[in-house]
Amino acid sequence: MNSTQEYTTPVVVTLSECAKEDAHVVFRVLKQTFASDRDADDAPQYSAHPDTTVWTATFDVSPEHAHAEPVPLSASVRADVQGGYWAVDRLQEALSAAFDVREEGMAAGDQEKDIQLRLASGSR
């Protein structure tokens, strides 16, 4: 595998089990840190069935824009993160700068991994 491919692998982030306002906070932090497939003013919205709503965005973690500061959330957020090993680790580090992060599970493949995280208000 070419090492430059490893650094341009996108990371898919899916948020669930949270209010749309908390999803917006998490995506805002990630959009300030990395390039995204979403516009800067694109805020999560509820669907017709808010119980089953998930929000998804893709981030390119190779160019880092800024480091995040601790950010409050009204409740915990579940984040499923999928991508190449280096890219997922880099995104998880960025989340850890803004939130208290607890890893709840992980599945690893040959070239990708999928981790389940629980995010809570940052306390640093």
PDB file of N, CA and C in Angstrom:
ATOM      1  N   MET A   1       0.830  -1.176   0.000  1.00  0.00           N
ATOM      2  CA  MET A   1       0.000   0.000   0.000  1.00  0.00           C
ATOM      3  C   MET A   1       0.875   1.240   0.000  1.00  0.00           C
ATOM      4  N   ASN A   2       0.537   2.186  -0.804  1.00  0.00           N
ATOM      5  CA  ASN A   2       1.247   3.442  -0.889  1.00  0.00           C
ATOM      6  C   ASN A   2       0.973   4.260   0.370  1.00  0.00           C
ATOM      7  N   SER A   3       2.008   4.782   1.022  1.00  0.00           N
ATOM      8  CA  SER A   3       1.823   5.499   2.285  1.00  0.00           C
ATOM      9  C   SER A   3       1.005   6.774   2.112  1.00  0.00           C
ATOM     10  N   THR A   4       1.014   7.398   0.921  1.00  0.00           N
ATOM     11  CA  THR A   4       0.202   8.597   0.737  1.00  0.00           C
ATOM     12  C   THR A   4      -1.280   8.252   0.727  1.00  0.00           C
ATOM     13  N   GLN A   5      -1.649   7.066   0.297  1.00  0.00           N
ATOM     14  CA  GLN A   5      -3.053   6.654   0.344  1.00  0.00           C
ATOM     15  C   GLN A   5      -3.538   6.594   1.783  1.00  0.00           C
ATOM     16  N   GLU A   6      -2.697   6.120   2.670  1.00  0.00           N
ATOM     17  CA  GLU A   6      -3.066   6.013   4.073  1.00  0.00           C
ATOM     18  C   GLU A   6      -3.446   7.378   4.645  1.00  0.00           C
ATOM     19  N   TYR A   7      -2.783   8.424   4.221  1.00  0.00           N
ATOM     20  CA  TYR A   7      -3.011   9.752   4.770  1.00  0.00           C
ATOM     21  C   TYR A   7      -4.151  10.494   4.103  1.00  0.00           C
ATOM     22  N   THR A   8      -4.723   9.981   3.037  1.00  0.00           N
ATOM     23  CA  THR A   8      -5.846  10.643   2.388  1.00  0.00           C
ATOM     24  C   THR A   8      -7.128   9.839   2.516  1.00  0.00           C
ATOM     25  N   THR A   9      -7.125   8.794   3.313  1.00  0.00           N
ATOM     26  CA  THR A   9      -8.314   7.993   3.510  1.00  0.00           C
ATOM     27  C   THR A   9      -9.348   8.805   4.275  1.00  0.00           C
ATOM     28  N   PRO A  10     -10.563   8.894   3.751  1.00  0.00           N
ATOM     29  CA  PRO A  10     -11.599   9.625   4.477  1.00  0.00           C
ATOM     30  C   PRO A  10     -12.075   8.830   5.694  1.00  0.00           C
ATOM     31  N   VAL A  11     -12.585   9.557   6.663  1.00  0.00           N
ATOM     32  CA  VAL A  11     -13.155   8.938   7.854  1.00  0.00           C
ATOM     33  C   VAL A  11     -14.638   9.283   7.884  1.00  0.00           C
ATOM     34  N   VAL A  12     -15.464   8.267   8.024  1.00  0.00           N
ATOM     35  CA  VAL A  12     -16.908   8.451   8.108  1.00  0.00           C
ATOM     36  C   VAL A  12     -17.292   8.459   9.582  1.00  0.00           C
ATOM     37  N   VAL A  13     -18.024   9.497   9.984  1.00  0.00           N
ATOM     38  CA  VAL A  13     -18.481   9.636  11.368  1.00  0.00           C
ATOM     39  C   VAL A  13     -20.002   9.621  11.362  1.00  0.00           C
ATOM     40  N   THR A  14     -20.580   8.714  12.152  1.00  0.00           N
ATOM     41  CA  THR A  14     -22.024   8.623  12.296  1.00  0.00           C
ATOM     42  C   THR A  14     -22.360   8.870  13.760  1.00  0.00           C
ATOM     43  N   LEU A  15     -23.231   9.853  14.001  1.00  0.00           N
ATOM     44  CA  LEU A  15     -23.634  10.204  15.358  1.00  0.00           C
ATOM     45  C   LEU A  15     -25.061   9.747  15.602  1.00  0.00           C
ATOM     46  N   SER A  16     -25.303   9.221  16.795  1.00  0.00           N
ATOM     47  CA  SER A  16     -26.655   8.759  17.147  1.00  0.00           C
ATOM     48  C   SER A  16     -26.843   8.853  18.651  1.00  0.00           C
ATOM     49  N   GLU A  17     -28.045   8.500  19.087  1.00  0.00           N
ATOM     50  CA  GLU A  17     -28.387   8.504  20.513  1.00  0.00           C
ATOM     51  C   GLU A  17     -28.121   9.867  21.143  1.00  0.00           C
ATOM     52  N   CYS A  18     -28.516  10.937  20.415  1.00  0.00           N
ATOM     53  CA  CYS A  18     -28.278  12.286  20.910  1.00  0.00           C
ATOM     54  C   CYS A  18     -29.261  13.265  20.291  1.00  0.00           C
ATOM     55  N   ALA A  19     -29.324  14.444  20.891  1.00  0.00           N
ATOM     56  CA  ALA A  19     -30.118  15.537  20.345  1.00  0.00           C
ATOM     57  C   ALA A  19     -29.397  16.138  19.142  1.00  0.00           C
ATOM     58  N   LYS A  20     -30.166  16.727  18.244  1.00  0.00           N
ATOM     59  CA  LYS A  20     -29.557  17.335  17.060  1.00  0.00           C
ATOM     60  C   LYS A  20     -28.584  18.443  17.436  1.00  0.00           C
ATOM     61  N   GLU A  21     -28.846  19.141  18.550  1.00  0.00           N
ATOM     62  CA  GLU A  21     -27.949  20.211  18.997  1.00  0.00           C
ATOM     63  C   GLU A  21     -26.583  19.652  19.381  1.00  0.00           C
ATOM     64  N   ASP A  22     -26.564  18.492  20.031  1.00  0.00           N
ATOM     65  CA  ASP A  22     -25.286  17.883  20.389  1.00  0.00           C
ATOM     66  C   ASP A  22     -24.570  17.347  19.150  1.00  0.00           C
ATOM     67  N   ALA A  23     -25.322  16.798  18.206  1.00  0.00           N
ATOM     68  CA  ALA A  23     -24.713  16.356  16.946  1.00  0.00           C
ATOM     69  C   ALA A  23     -24.069  17.546  16.236  1.00  0.00           C
ATOM     70  N   HIS A  24     -24.750  18.677  16.283  1.00  0.00           N
ATOM     71  CA  HIS A  24     -24.209  19.888  15.656  1.00  0.00           C
ATOM     72  C   HIS A  24     -22.904  20.318  16.329  1.00  0.00           C
ATOM     73  N   VAL A  25     -22.850  20.237  17.660  1.00  0.00           N
ATOM     74  CA  VAL A  25     -21.635  20.609  18.394  1.00  0.00           C
ATOM     75  C   VAL A  25     -20.465  19.721  17.967  1.00  0.00           C
ATOM     76  N   VAL A  26     -20.694  18.403  17.903  1.00  0.00           N
ATOM     77  CA  VAL A  26     -19.623  17.475  17.533  1.00  0.00           C
ATOM     78  C   VAL A  26     -19.158  17.742  16.105  1.00  0.00           C
ATOM     79  N   PHE A  27     -20.103  17.871  15.170  1.00  0.00           N
ATOM     80  CA  PHE A  27     -19.710  18.120  13.781  1.00  0.00           C
ATOM     81  C   PHE A  27     -19.025  19.480  13.637  1.00  0.00           C
ATOM     82  N   ARG A  28     -19.457  20.476  14.388  1.00  0.00           N
ATOM     83  CA  ARG A  28     -18.818  21.799  14.312  1.00  0.00           C
ATOM     84  C   ARG A  28     -17.351  21.698  14.736  1.00  0.00           C
ATOM     85  N   VAL A  29     -17.084  20.962  15.808  1.00  0.00           N
ATOM     86  CA  VAL A  29     -15.697  20.767  16.256  1.00  0.00           C
ATOM     87  C   VAL A  29     -14.885  20.077  15.168  1.00  0.00           C
ATOM     88  N   LEU A  30     -15.437  19.018  14.595  1.00  0.00           N
ATOM     89  CA  LEU A  30     -14.695  18.275  13.560  1.00  0.00           C
ATOM     90  C   LEU A  30     -14.503  19.109  12.299  1.00  0.00           C
ATOM     91  N   LYS A  31     -15.493  19.923  11.921  1.00  0.00           N
ATOM     92  CA  LYS A  31     -15.365  20.771  10.727  1.00  0.00           C
ATOM     93  C   LYS A  31     -14.344  21.887  10.934  1.00  0.00           C
ATOM     94  N   GLN A  32     -14.162  22.319  12.188  1.00  0.00           N
ATOM     95  CA  GLN A  32     -13.138  23.332  12.470  1.00  0.00           C
ATOM     96  C   GLN A  32     -11.744  22.715  12.406  1.00  0.00           C
ATOM     97  N   THR A  33     -11.666  21.402  12.605  1.00  0.00           N
ATOM     98  CA  THR A  33     -10.382  20.720  12.666  1.00  0.00           C
ATOM     99  C   THR A  33      -9.980  20.101  11.333  1.00  0.00           C
ATOM    100  N   PHE A  34     -10.962  19.587  10.577  1.00  0.00           N
ATOM    101  CA  PHE A  34     -10.681  18.868   9.336  1.00  0.00           C
ATOM    102  C   PHE A  34     -11.633  19.302   8.220  1.00  0.00           C
ATOM    103  N   ALA A  35     -11.228  19.026   6.995  1.00  0.00           N
ATOM    104  CA  ALA A  35     -12.100  19.260   5.846  1.00  0.00           C
ATOM    105  C   ALA A  35     -13.245  18.256   5.887  1.00  0.00           C
ATOM    106  N   SER A  36     -14.430  18.695   5.437  1.00  0.00           N
ATOM    107  CA  SER A  36     -15.621  17.855   5.509  1.00  0.00           C
ATOM    108  C   SER A  36     -16.393  17.893   4.200  1.00  0.00           C
ATOM    109  N   ASP A  37     -17.243  16.883   4.022  1.00  0.00           N
ATOM    110  CA  ASP A  37     -18.129  16.863   2.867  1.00  0.00           C
ATOM    111  C   ASP A  37     -19.372  17.718   3.112  1.00  0.00           C
ATOM    112  N   ARG A  38     -19.485  18.312   4.282  1.00  0.00           N
ATOM    113  CA  ARG A  38     -20.622  19.162   4.648  1.00  0.00           C
ATOM    114  C   ARG A  38     -20.201  20.628   4.669  1.00  0.00           C
ATOM    115  N   ASP A  39     -21.129  21.516   4.303  1.00  0.00           N
ATOM    116  CA  ASP A  39     -20.867  22.950   4.374  1.00  0.00           C
ATOM    117  C   ASP A  39     -20.721  23.370   5.828  1.00  0.00           C
ATOM    118  N   ALA A  40     -20.026  24.456   6.071  1.00  0.00           N
ATOM    119  CA  ALA A  40     -19.788  24.942   7.430  1.00  0.00           C
ATOM    120  C   ALA A  40     -21.098  25.254   8.153  1.00  0.00           C
ATOM    121  N   ASP A  41     -22.104  25.723   7.431  1.00  0.00           N
ATOM    122  CA  ASP A  41     -23.374  26.087   8.067  1.00  0.00           C
ATOM    123  C   ASP A  41     -24.409  24.954   8.018  1.00  0.00           C
ATOM    124  N   ASP A  42     -24.014  23.770   7.589  1.00  0.00           N
ATOM    125  CA  ASP A  42     -24.920  22.625   7.512  1.00  0.00           C
ATOM    126  C   ASP A  42     -25.118  22.051   8.917  1.00  0.00           C
ATOM    127  N   ALA A  43     -26.308  22.251   9.474  1.00  0.00           N
ATOM    128  CA  ALA A  43     -26.612  21.778  10.827  1.00  0.00           C
ATOM    129  C   ALA A  43     -27.530  20.555  10.750  1.00  0.00           C
ATOM    130  N   PRO A  44     -27.339  19.576  11.634  1.00  0.00           N
ATOM    131  CA  PRO A  44     -28.199  18.399  11.652  1.00  0.00           C
ATOM    132  C   PRO A  44     -29.660  18.780  11.899  1.00  0.00           C
ATOM    133  N   GLN A  45     -30.551  18.062  11.261  1.00  0.00           N
ATOM    134  CA  GLN A  45     -31.990  18.273  11.417  1.00  0.00           C
ATOM    135  C   GLN A  45     -32.638  16.942  11.759  1.00  0.00           C
ATOM    136  N   TYR A  46     -33.772  17.013  12.451  1.00  0.00           N
ATOM    137  CA  TYR A  46     -34.519  15.785  12.740  1.00  0.00           C
ATOM    138  C   TYR A  46     -35.283  15.343  11.509  1.00  0.00           C
ATOM    139  N   SER A  47     -35.409  14.028  11.367  1.00  0.00           N
ATOM    140  CA  SER A  47     -36.260  13.476  10.322  1.00  0.00           C
ATOM    141  C   SER A  47     -37.664  13.332  10.901  1.00  0.00           C
ATOM    142  N   ALA A  48     -38.559  12.718  10.158  1.00  0.00           N
ATOM    143  CA  ALA A  48     -39.922  12.500  10.628  1.00  0.00           C
ATOM    144  C   ALA A  48     -39.951  11.575  11.845  1.00  0.00           C
ATOM    145  N   HIS A  49     -38.906  10.776  12.037  1.00  0.00           N
ATOM    146  CA  HIS A  49     -38.813   9.830  13.150  1.00  0.00           C
ATOM    147  C   HIS A  49     -37.548  10.114  13.953  1.00  0.00           C
ATOM    148  N   PRO A  50     -37.586  11.094  14.877  1.00  0.00           N
ATOM    149  CA  PRO A  50     -36.356  11.480  15.591  1.00  0.00           C
ATOM    150  C   PRO A  50     -35.759  10.369  16.449  1.00  0.00           C
ATOM    151  N   ASP A  51     -36.535   9.353  16.818  1.00  0.00           N
ATOM    152  CA  ASP A  51     -35.996   8.258  17.630  1.00  0.00           C
ATOM    153  C   ASP A  51     -34.912   7.488  16.893  1.00  0.00           C
ATOM    154  N   THR A  52     -35.005   7.446  15.593  1.00  0.00           N
ATOM    155  CA  THR A  52     -34.085   6.635  14.804  1.00  0.00           C
ATOM    156  C   THR A  52     -33.131   7.489  13.966  1.00  0.00           C
ATOM    157  N   THR A  53     -33.038   8.755  14.272  1.00  0.00           N
ATOM    158  CA  THR A  53     -32.205   9.656  13.485  1.00  0.00           C
ATOM    159  C   THR A  53     -30.726   9.426  13.769  1.00  0.00           C
ATOM    160  N   VAL A  54     -29.960   9.357  12.699  1.00  0.00           N
ATOM    161  CA  VAL A  54     -28.499   9.351  12.783  1.00  0.00           C
ATOM    162  C   VAL A  54     -27.999  10.424  11.827  1.00  0.00           C
ATOM    163  N   TRP A  55     -26.845  10.965  12.138  1.00  0.00           N
ATOM    164  CA  TRP A  55     -26.241  11.989  11.293  1.00  0.00           C
ATOM    165  C   TRP A  55     -24.876  11.493  10.863  1.00  0.00           C
ATOM    166  N   THR A  56     -24.557  11.682   9.574  1.00  0.00           N
ATOM    167  CA  THR A  56     -23.308  11.172   9.029  1.00  0.00           C
ATOM    168  C   THR A  56     -22.574  12.271   8.268  1.00  0.00           C
ATOM    169  N   ALA A  57     -21.271  12.305   8.428  1.00  0.00           N
ATOM    170  CA  ALA A  57     -20.417  13.213   7.668  1.00  0.00           C
ATOM    171  C   ALA A  57     -19.089  12.507   7.425  1.00  0.00           C
ATOM    172  N   THR A  58     -18.401  12.928   6.388  1.00  0.00           N
ATOM    173  CA  THR A  58     -17.094  12.379   6.050  1.00  0.00           C
ATOM    174  C   THR A  58     -16.047  13.475   6.208  1.00  0.00           C
ATOM    175  N   PHE A  59     -14.911  13.110   6.796  1.00  0.00           N
ATOM    176  CA  PHE A  59     -13.846  14.070   7.063  1.00  0.00           C
ATOM    177  C   PHE A  59     -12.535  13.591   6.459  1.00  0.00           C
ATOM    178  N   ASP A  60     -11.781  14.533   5.891  1.00  0.00           N
ATOM    179  CA  ASP A  60     -10.431  14.265   5.397  1.00  0.00           C
ATOM    180  C   ASP A  60      -9.482  14.753   6.479  1.00  0.00           C
ATOM    181  N   VAL A  61      -8.830  13.823   7.162  1.00  0.00           N
ATOM    182  CA  VAL A  61      -8.021  14.185   8.326  1.00  0.00           C
ATOM    183  C   VAL A  61      -6.584  14.559   7.980  1.00  0.00           C
ATOM    184  N   SER A  62      -6.220  14.540   6.705  1.00  0.00           N
ATOM    185  CA  SER A  62      -4.828  14.845   6.363  1.00  0.00           C
ATOM    186  C   SER A  62      -4.467  16.308   6.590  1.00  0.00           C
ATOM    187  N   PRO A  63      -5.288  17.274   6.197  1.00  0.00           N
ATOM    188  CA  PRO A  63      -4.931  18.658   6.540  1.00  0.00           C
ATOM    189  C   PRO A  63      -5.666  19.082   7.807  1.00  0.00           C
ATOM    190  N   GLU A  64      -4.931  19.245   8.892  1.00  0.00           N
ATOM    191  CA  GLU A  64      -5.561  19.674  10.146  1.00  0.00           C
ATOM    192  C   GLU A  64      -5.569  21.197  10.184  1.00  0.00           C
ATOM    193  N   HIS A  65      -6.732  21.786  10.452  1.00  0.00           N
ATOM    194  CA  HIS A  65      -6.873  23.243  10.446  1.00  0.00           C
ATOM    195  C   HIS A  65      -6.579  23.863  11.807  1.00  0.00           C
ATOM    196  N   ALA A  66      -7.180  23.352  12.872  1.00  0.00           N
ATOM    197  CA  ALA A  66      -7.026  23.936  14.206  1.00  0.00           C
ATOM    198  C   ALA A  66      -7.254  22.858  15.250  1.00  0.00           C
ATOM    199  N   HIS A  67      -6.719  23.096  16.441  1.00  0.00           N
ATOM    200  CA  HIS A  67      -6.945  22.171  17.543  1.00  0.00           C
ATOM    201  C   HIS A  67      -8.197  22.598  18.297  1.00  0.00           C
ATOM    202  N   ALA A  68      -8.996  21.638  18.713  1.00  0.00           N
ATOM    203  CA  ALA A  68     -10.240  21.919  19.418  1.00  0.00           C
ATOM    204  C   ALA A  68      -9.994  22.161  20.897  1.00  0.00           C
ATOM    205  N   GLU A  69     -10.853  22.939  21.485  1.00  0.00           N
ATOM    206  CA  GLU A  69     -10.875  23.188  22.923  1.00  0.00           C
ATOM    207  C   GLU A  69     -12.015  22.357  23.521  1.00  0.00           C
ATOM    208  N   PRO A  70     -12.003  22.114  24.824  1.00  0.00           N
ATOM    209  CA  PRO A  70     -13.103  21.389  25.460  1.00  0.00           C
ATOM    210  C   PRO A  70     -14.446  22.067  25.195  1.00  0.00           C
ATOM    211  N   VAL A  71     -15.456  21.249  24.911  1.00  0.00           N
ATOM    212  CA  VAL A  71     -16.776  21.749  24.529  1.00  0.00           C
ATOM    213  C   VAL A  71     -17.845  21.009  25.333  1.00  0.00           C
ATOM    214  N   PRO A  72     -18.878  21.741  25.807  1.00  0.00           N
ATOM    215  CA  PRO A  72     -19.942  21.066  26.554  1.00  0.00           C
ATOM    216  C   PRO A  72     -20.982  20.415  25.638  1.00  0.00           C
ATOM    217  N   LEU A  73     -21.531  19.315  26.098  1.00  0.00           N
ATOM    218  CA  LEU A  73     -22.652  18.634  25.462  1.00  0.00           C
ATOM    219  C   LEU A  73     -23.765  18.535  26.498  1.00  0.00           C
ATOM    220  N   SER A  74     -25.017  18.527  26.062  1.00  0.00           N
ATOM    221  CA  SER A  74     -26.121  18.408  27.012  1.00  0.00           C
ATOM    222  C   SER A  74     -26.272  16.974  27.515  1.00  0.00           C
ATOM    223  N   ALA A  75     -25.832  16.010  26.720  1.00  0.00           N
ATOM    224  CA  ALA A  75     -25.879  14.587  27.084  1.00  0.00           C
ATOM    225  C   ALA A  75     -24.813  13.867  26.253  1.00  0.00           C
ATOM    226  N   SER A  76     -24.595  12.607  26.565  1.00  0.00           N
ATOM    227  CA  SER A  76     -23.573  11.871  25.815  1.00  0.00           C
ATOM    228  C   SER A  76     -24.031  11.613  24.385  1.00  0.00           C
ATOM    229  N   VAL A  77     -23.060  11.395  23.517  1.00  0.00           N
ATOM    230  CA  VAL A  77     -23.287  11.164  22.095  1.00  0.00           C
ATOM    231  C   VAL A  77     -22.564   9.883  21.703  1.00  0.00           C
ATOM    232  N   ARG A  78     -23.234   9.033  20.930  1.00  0.00           N
ATOM    233  CA  ARG A  78     -22.565   7.853  20.379  1.00  0.00           C
ATOM    234  C   ARG A  78     -21.990   8.239  19.021  1.00  0.00           C
ATOM    235  N   ALA A  79     -20.718   7.942  18.830  1.00  0.00           N
ATOM    236  CA  ALA A  79     -20.051   8.217  17.559  1.00  0.00           C
ATOM    237  C   ALA A  79     -19.456   6.924  17.024  1.00  0.00           C
ATOM    238  N   ASP A  80     -19.866   6.541  15.832  1.00  0.00           N
ATOM    239  CA  ASP A  80     -19.271   5.408  15.125  1.00  0.00           C
ATOM    240  C   ASP A  80     -18.332   5.998  14.090  1.00  0.00           C
ATOM    241  N   VAL A  81     -17.074   5.572  14.127  1.00  0.00           N
ATOM    242  CA  VAL A  81     -16.028   6.149  13.282  1.00  0.00           C
ATOM    243  C   VAL A  81     -15.408   5.029  12.464  1.00  0.00           C
ATOM    244  N   GLN A  82     -15.350   5.224  11.141  1.00  0.00           N
ATOM    245  CA  GLN A  82     -14.838   4.177  10.258  1.00  0.00           C
ATOM    246  C   GLN A  82     -13.885   4.769   9.232  1.00  0.00           C
ATOM    247  N   GLY A  83     -12.743   4.091   9.059  1.00  0.00           N
ATOM    248  CA  GLY A  83     -11.769   4.511   8.059  1.00  0.00           C
ATOM    249  C   GLY A  83     -10.466   3.780   8.259  1.00  0.00           C
ATOM    250  N   GLY A  84      -9.428   4.253   7.600  1.00  0.00           N
ATOM    251  CA  GLY A  84      -8.107   3.661   7.748  1.00  0.00           C
ATOM    252  C   GLY A  84      -7.583   3.860   9.159  1.00  0.00           C
ATOM    253  N   TYR A  85      -6.671   2.993   9.568  1.00  0.00           N
ATOM    254  CA  TYR A  85      -6.159   3.018  10.945  1.00  0.00           C
ATOM    255  C   TYR A  85      -5.606   4.388  11.344  1.00  0.00           C
ATOM    256  N   TRP A  86      -4.692   4.919  10.566  1.00  0.00           N
ATOM    257  CA  TRP A  86      -4.071   6.197  10.887  1.00  0.00           C
ATOM    258  C   TRP A  86      -5.123   7.302  10.944  1.00  0.00           C
ATOM    259  N   ALA A  87      -6.031   7.316   9.975  1.00  0.00           N
ATOM    260  CA  ALA A  87      -7.036   8.370   9.892  1.00  0.00           C
ATOM    261  C   ALA A  87      -8.011   8.313  11.069  1.00  0.00           C
ATOM    262  N   VAL A  88      -8.456   7.130  11.444  1.00  0.00           N
ATOM    263  CA  VAL A  88      -9.369   6.982  12.578  1.00  0.00           C
ATOM    264  C   VAL A  88      -8.675   7.414  13.869  1.00  0.00           C
ATOM    265  N   ASP A  89      -7.431   7.018  14.045  1.00  0.00           N
ATOM    266  CA  ASP A  89      -6.691   7.417  15.244  1.00  0.00           C
ATOM    267  C   ASP A  89      -6.556   8.934  15.324  1.00  0.00           C
ATOM    268  N   ARG A  90      -6.275   9.560  14.200  1.00  0.00           N
ATOM    269  CA  ARG A  90      -6.112  11.019  14.162  1.00  0.00           C
ATOM    270  C   ARG A  90      -7.424  11.720  14.501  1.00  0.00           C
ATOM    271  N   LEU A  91      -8.541  11.227  13.961  1.00  0.00           N
ATOM    272  CA  LEU A  91      -9.835  11.821  14.265  1.00  0.00           C
ATOM    273  C   LEU A  91     -10.188  11.610  15.739  1.00  0.00           C
ATOM    274  N   GLN A  92      -9.893  10.439  16.280  1.00  0.00           N
ATOM    275  CA  GLN A  92     -10.169  10.167  17.689  1.00  0.00           C
ATOM    276  C   GLN A  92      -9.352  11.103  18.588  1.00  0.00           C
ATOM    277  N   GLU A  93      -8.128  11.394  18.228  1.00  0.00           N
ATOM    278  CA  GLU A  93      -7.308  12.349  18.988  1.00  0.00           C
ATOM    279  C   GLU A  93      -7.953  13.731  18.997  1.00  0.00           C
ATOM    280  N   ALA A  94      -8.480  14.146  17.853  1.00  0.00           N
ATOM    281  CA  ALA A  94      -9.143  15.452  17.774  1.00  0.00           C
ATOM    282  C   ALA A  94     -10.395  15.478  18.653  1.00  0.00           C
ATOM    283  N   LEU A  95     -11.164  14.404  18.639  1.00  0.00           N
ATOM    284  CA  LEU A  95     -12.338  14.334  19.507  1.00  0.00           C
ATOM    285  C   LEU A  95     -11.939  14.388  20.973  1.00  0.00           C
ATOM    286  N   SER A  96     -10.834  13.732  21.323  1.00  0.00           N
ATOM    287  CA  SER A  96     -10.371  13.696  22.713  1.00  0.00           C
ATOM    288  C   SER A  96      -9.930  15.070  23.211  1.00  0.00           C
ATOM    289  N   ALA A  97      -9.557  15.965  22.309  1.00  0.00           N
ATOM    290  CA  ALA A  97      -9.183  17.319  22.710  1.00  0.00           C
ATOM    291  C   ALA A  97     -10.406  18.145  23.108  1.00  0.00           C
ATOM    292  N   ALA A  98     -11.571  17.809  22.550  1.00  0.00           N
ATOM    293  CA  ALA A  98     -12.785  18.587  22.802  1.00  0.00           C
ATOM    294  C   ALA A  98     -13.758  17.915  23.764  1.00  0.00           C
ATOM    295  N   PHE A  99     -13.716  16.584  23.846  1.00  0.00           N
ATOM    296  CA  PHE A  99     -14.692  15.828  24.621  1.00  0.00           C
ATOM    297  C   PHE A  99     -14.004  14.770  25.475  1.00  0.00           C
ATOM    298  N   ASP A 100     -14.706  14.317  26.491  1.00  0.00           N
ATOM    299  CA  ASP A 100     -14.273  13.112  27.187  1.00  0.00           C
ATOM    300  C   ASP A 100     -14.721  11.954  26.312  1.00  0.00           C
ATOM    301  N   VAL A 101     -13.800  11.098  25.917  1.00  0.00           N
ATOM    302  CA  VAL A 101     -14.078  10.022  24.961  1.00  0.00           C
ATOM    303  C   VAL A 101     -13.845   8.676  25.625  1.00  0.00           C
ATOM    304  N   ARG A 102     -14.835   7.801  25.512  1.00  0.00           N
ATOM    305  CA  ARG A 102     -14.706   6.431  26.012  1.00  0.00           C
ATOM    306  C   ARG A 102     -14.953   5.481  24.841  1.00  0.00           C
ATOM    307  N   GLU A 103     -14.009   4.603  24.590  1.00  0.00           N
ATOM    308  CA  GLU A 103     -14.163   3.621  23.514  1.00  0.00           C
ATOM    309  C   GLU A 103     -15.047   2.486  24.017  1.00  0.00           C
ATOM    310  N   GLU A 104     -16.122   2.198  23.261  1.00  0.00           N
ATOM    311  CA  GLU A 104     -17.071   1.160  23.655  1.00  0.00           C
ATOM    312  C   GLU A 104     -16.931  -0.113  22.837  1.00  0.00           C
ATOM    313  N   GLY A 105     -16.246  -0.031  21.718  1.00  0.00           N
ATOM    314  CA  GLY A 105     -16.062  -1.215  20.893  1.00  0.00           C
ATOM    315  C   GLY A 105     -15.211  -0.901  19.684  1.00  0.00           C
ATOM    316  N   MET A 106     -14.678  -1.968  19.065  1.00  0.00           N
ATOM    317  CA  MET A 106     -13.829  -1.787  17.901  1.00  0.00           C
ATOM    318  C   MET A 106     -13.836  -3.049  17.068  1.00  0.00           C
ATOM    319  N   ALA A 107     -13.908  -2.871  15.771  1.00  0.00           N
ATOM    320  CA  ALA A 107     -13.764  -3.977  14.831  1.00  0.00           C
ATOM    321  C   ALA A 107     -12.647  -3.596  13.869  1.00  0.00           C
ATOM    322  N   ALA A 108     -11.706  -4.513  13.652  1.00  0.00           N
ATOM    323  CA  ALA A 108     -10.553  -4.221  12.808  1.00  0.00           C
ATOM    324  C   ALA A 108     -10.547  -5.129  11.592  1.00  0.00           C
ATOM    325  N   GLY A 109     -10.172  -4.547  10.471  1.00  0.00           N
ATOM    326  CA  GLY A 109      -9.999  -5.307   9.245  1.00  0.00           C
ATOM    327  C   GLY A 109      -8.580  -5.159   8.744  1.00  0.00           C
ATOM    328  N   ASP A 110      -8.331  -5.568   7.518  1.00  0.00           N
ATOM    329  CA  ASP A 110      -6.988  -5.466   6.952  1.00  0.00           C
ATOM    330  C   ASP A 110      -6.528  -4.021   6.804  1.00  0.00           C
ATOM    331  N   GLN A 111      -7.425  -3.159   6.313  1.00  0.00           N
ATOM    332  CA  GLN A 111      -7.019  -1.786   6.032  1.00  0.00           C
ATOM    333  C   GLN A 111      -7.899  -0.746   6.699  1.00  0.00           C
ATOM    334  N   GLU A 112      -8.940  -1.168   7.376  1.00  0.00           N
ATOM    335  CA  GLU A 112      -9.844  -0.237   8.030  1.00  0.00           C
ATOM    336  C   GLU A 112     -10.193  -0.719   9.421  1.00  0.00           C
ATOM    337  N   LYS A 113     -10.621   0.250  10.223  1.00  0.00           N
ATOM    338  CA  LYS A 113     -11.179  -0.134  11.508  1.00  0.00           C
ATOM    339  C   LYS A 113     -12.419   0.705  11.777  1.00  0.00           C
ATOM    340  N   ASP A 114     -13.264   0.173  12.610  1.00  0.00           N
ATOM    341  CA  ASP A 114     -14.523   0.799  12.981  1.00  0.00           C
ATOM    342  C   ASP A 114     -14.552   0.835  14.500  1.00  0.00           C
ATOM    343  N   ILE A 115     -14.669   2.030  15.065  1.00  0.00           N
ATOM    344  CA  ILE A 115     -14.720   2.134  16.520  1.00  0.00           C
ATOM    345  C   ILE A 115     -16.030   2.794  16.943  1.00  0.00           C
ATOM    346  N   GLN A 116     -16.520   2.379  18.084  1.00  0.00           N
ATOM    347  CA  GLN A 116     -17.705   2.980  18.673  1.00  0.00           C
ATOM    348  C   GLN A 116     -17.237   3.763  19.897  1.00  0.00           C
ATOM    349  N   LEU A 117     -17.565   5.052  19.908  1.00  0.00           N
ATOM    350  CA  LEU A 117     -17.140   5.937  20.977  1.00  0.00           C
ATOM    351  C   LEU A 117     -18.348   6.531  21.690  1.00  0.00           C
ATOM    352  N   ARG A 118     -18.172   6.849  22.940  1.00  0.00           N
ATOM    353  CA  ARG A 118     -19.165   7.601  23.715  1.00  0.00           C
ATOM    354  C   ARG A 118     -18.497   8.926  24.075  1.00  0.00           C
ATOM    355  N   LEU A 119     -19.114  10.039  23.613  1.00  0.00           N
ATOM    356  CA  LEU A 119     -18.575  11.373  23.853  1.00  0.00           C
ATOM    357  C   LEU A 119     -19.373  12.047  24.956  1.00  0.00           C
ATOM    358  N   ALA A 120     -18.695  12.742  25.837  1.00  0.00           N
ATOM    359  CA  ALA A 120     -19.327  13.536  26.883  1.00  0.00           C
ATOM    360  C   ALA A 120     -18.639  14.891  26.934  1.00  0.00           C
ATOM    361  N   SER A 121     -19.200  15.809  27.682  1.00  0.00           N
ATOM    362  CA  SER A 121     -18.636  17.154  27.774  1.00  0.00           C
ATOM    363  C   SER A 121     -17.163  17.121  28.125  1.00  0.00           C
ATOM    364  N   GLY A 122     -16.382  17.948  27.425  1.00  0.00           N
ATOM    365  CA  GLY A 122     -14.950  18.029  27.698  1.00  0.00           C
ATOM    366  C   GLY A 122     -14.695  18.654  29.052  1.00  0.00           C
ATOM    367  N   SER A 123     -13.673  18.165  29.733  1.00  0.00           N
ATOM    368  CA  SER A 123     -13.404  18.667  31.081  1.00  0.00           C
ATOM    369  C   SER A 123     -11.963  19.111  31.291  1.00  0.00           C
ATOM    370  N   ARG A 124     -11.226  19.348  30.243  1.00  0.00           N
ATOM    371  CA  ARG A 124      -9.833  19.748  30.410  1.00  0.00           C
ATOM    372  C   ARG A 124      -9.718  21.213  30.660  1.00  0.00           C
TER     373      ARG A 124
END
